Amino acid sequence: MLAALEALRNEPGVPHFDILVTDVDADPVLEAKYNELVPVLTDGEGGELCHYFLDVAKVREYLGALG
């Protein structure tokens, strides 16, 4: 998912966004929350955007709504 997210970030016309990678297994709270849903992509407030694979349409929609 990370490679696909980085590719999306480099596409022309896509607003800039930062990527923060967190090791879910290193945090008991996150491990309990996401368990088998890793990898997971969340927004800045912890809302879940997608699991396992990058949902490009959903991420584009999210980025478009930001401004």
Protein backbone atom coordinates (compact mmCIF):
# COMPACT_ATOMS: atom_id res chain seq x y z
CA MET A 1 0.00 0.00 0.00
CA LEU A 2 2.85 2.38 0.80
CA ALA A 3 4.32 2.17 -2.71
CA ALA A 4 0.90 2.87 -4.25
CA LEU A 5 0.36 5.80 -1.89
CA GLU A 6 3.76 7.28 -2.74
CA ALA A 7 3.00 6.89 -6.46
CA LEU A 8 -0.32 8.70 -5.99
CA ARG A 9 1.40 11.50 -4.08
CA ASN A 10 3.73 12.07 -7.04
CA GLU A 11 0.96 12.32 -9.65
CA PRO A 12 0.39 15.75 -11.20
CA GLY A 13 -2.63 17.55 -9.79
CA VAL A 14 -2.74 15.60 -6.54
CA PRO A 15 -2.52 17.91 -3.51
CA HIS A 16 0.60 17.43 -1.40
CA PHE A 17 0.18 15.18 1.62
CA ASP A 18 2.53 13.69 4.16
CA ILE A 19 2.82 9.99 4.89
CA LEU A 20 3.40 8.81 8.45
CA VAL A 21 4.15 5.10 8.81
CA THR A 22 3.32 3.58 12.19
CA ASP A 23 4.16 0.05 13.31
CA VAL A 24 0.77 -1.17 14.50
CA ASP A 25 2.32 -4.24 16.13
CA ALA A 26 4.45 -2.02 18.37
CA ASP A 27 1.41 -0.31 19.91
CA PRO A 28 -0.98 -2.54 21.90
CA VAL A 29 -3.90 -0.13 21.43
CA LEU A 30 -3.46 0.01 17.64
CA GLU A 31 -2.86 -3.72 17.46
CA ALA A 32 -6.13 -4.38 19.30
CA LYS A 33 -8.01 -1.88 17.11
CA TYR A 34 -6.72 -2.99 13.69
CA ASN A 35 -5.62 -6.60 14.36
CA GLU A 36 -5.93 -8.29 10.94
CA LEU A 37 -6.75 -5.09 9.03
CA VAL A 38 -3.10 -4.15 8.48
CA PRO A 39 -2.02 -2.39 6.41
CA VAL A 40 -4.57 0.31 7.13
CA LEU A 41 -4.68 3.88 5.86
CA THR A 42 -6.14 6.49 8.18
CA ASP A 43 -6.73 10.20 7.78
CA GLY A 44 -5.28 12.87 10.06
CA GLU A 45 -7.97 12.32 12.68
CA GLY A 46 -7.69 8.53 12.77
CA GLY A 47 -10.63 7.81 10.47
CA GLU A 48 -10.06 4.72 8.34
CA LEU A 49 -9.82 5.23 4.58
CA CYS A 50 -8.93 1.71 3.44
CA HIS A 51 -7.40 -1.64 4.43
CA TYR A 52 -5.02 -4.06 2.71
CA PHE A 53 -4.87 -2.17 -0.62
CA LEU A 54 -4.95 1.51 -1.52
CA ASP A 55 -8.44 2.63 -2.53
CA VAL A 56 -7.30 5.37 -4.92
CA ALA A 57 -10.82 6.69 -5.51
CA LYS A 58 -11.48 7.03 -1.78
CA VAL A 59 -8.15 8.77 -1.17
CA ARG A 60 -8.73 11.17 -4.08
CA GLU A 61 -12.20 11.94 -2.70
CA TYR A 62 -10.72 12.59 0.76
CA LEU A 63 -7.98 14.85 -0.59
CA GLY A 64 -10.48 16.75 -2.74
CA ALA A 65 -12.65 17.44 0.28
CA LEU A 66 -9.72 19.00 2.13
CA GLY A 67 -9.61 22.01 -0.08
